Amino acid sequence: MTRYRFLFDPEQCLGCSACEAACKEAYDLPIGVRRRKVVELENGKFPNVKRRFYSMSCFHCSDPPCMKACPMHAIYQRDDGIVLVDKDKCIGCGYCLWACPFGAPQFEGSGVFGSKGKMDKCTFCYDRIDSGLPPYCVATCIGGALNYGDSEELSKLLRKKAAEMMGVKI
């Protein structure tokens, strides 16, 4: 059974935020809600400062802490690993936000939990996945930093890349 995951390569990320913009545009997200966000980190001291960008979204965890924390069972996981929210069940309590170590849950509207009181997060563009298309963020990434696929296949790819970096042939 396929279990979808994102794969991000910070070496390829340009920091352009095209992935973030594509998601906001495709889903007409309100101001303040970012299902994917590009974060900039700096290391070192002047004049030897290095910048690196990270494109972050929900990790669609194998054992999602947000799902366990939701008292209304509004968060569920499909058989393919994609974690979704049933907004009809969501009461906006915020437990999912506190449980997520990555800060992926967002709340629509203004205020801490939003005027609408409904949680929002990356949907992995499940409608596109179901149609055999890549998520908008992956399709839009001009640097090739974002990829997606089956968790097992991505793990093999990562092992191969790590081996190549160490000069080992697999």
Foldseek 3Di string as FASTA:
>chain_A
DFAKFKAFDQVLAPQPCQLQVLVCVVVVADPPDTQKDKDWDWDDDPPPIDITIDIDHDGLDPDQQLCVQQPQSQWDADPNSFIDGNQVRQQLPCSSCVRDPRSHWDAGDDDPRHPVSGIDHDRQPVVQVVVVHGPRSCVRRPSNRMDMIGPVVVVVVVVCVVCVVVVHHD
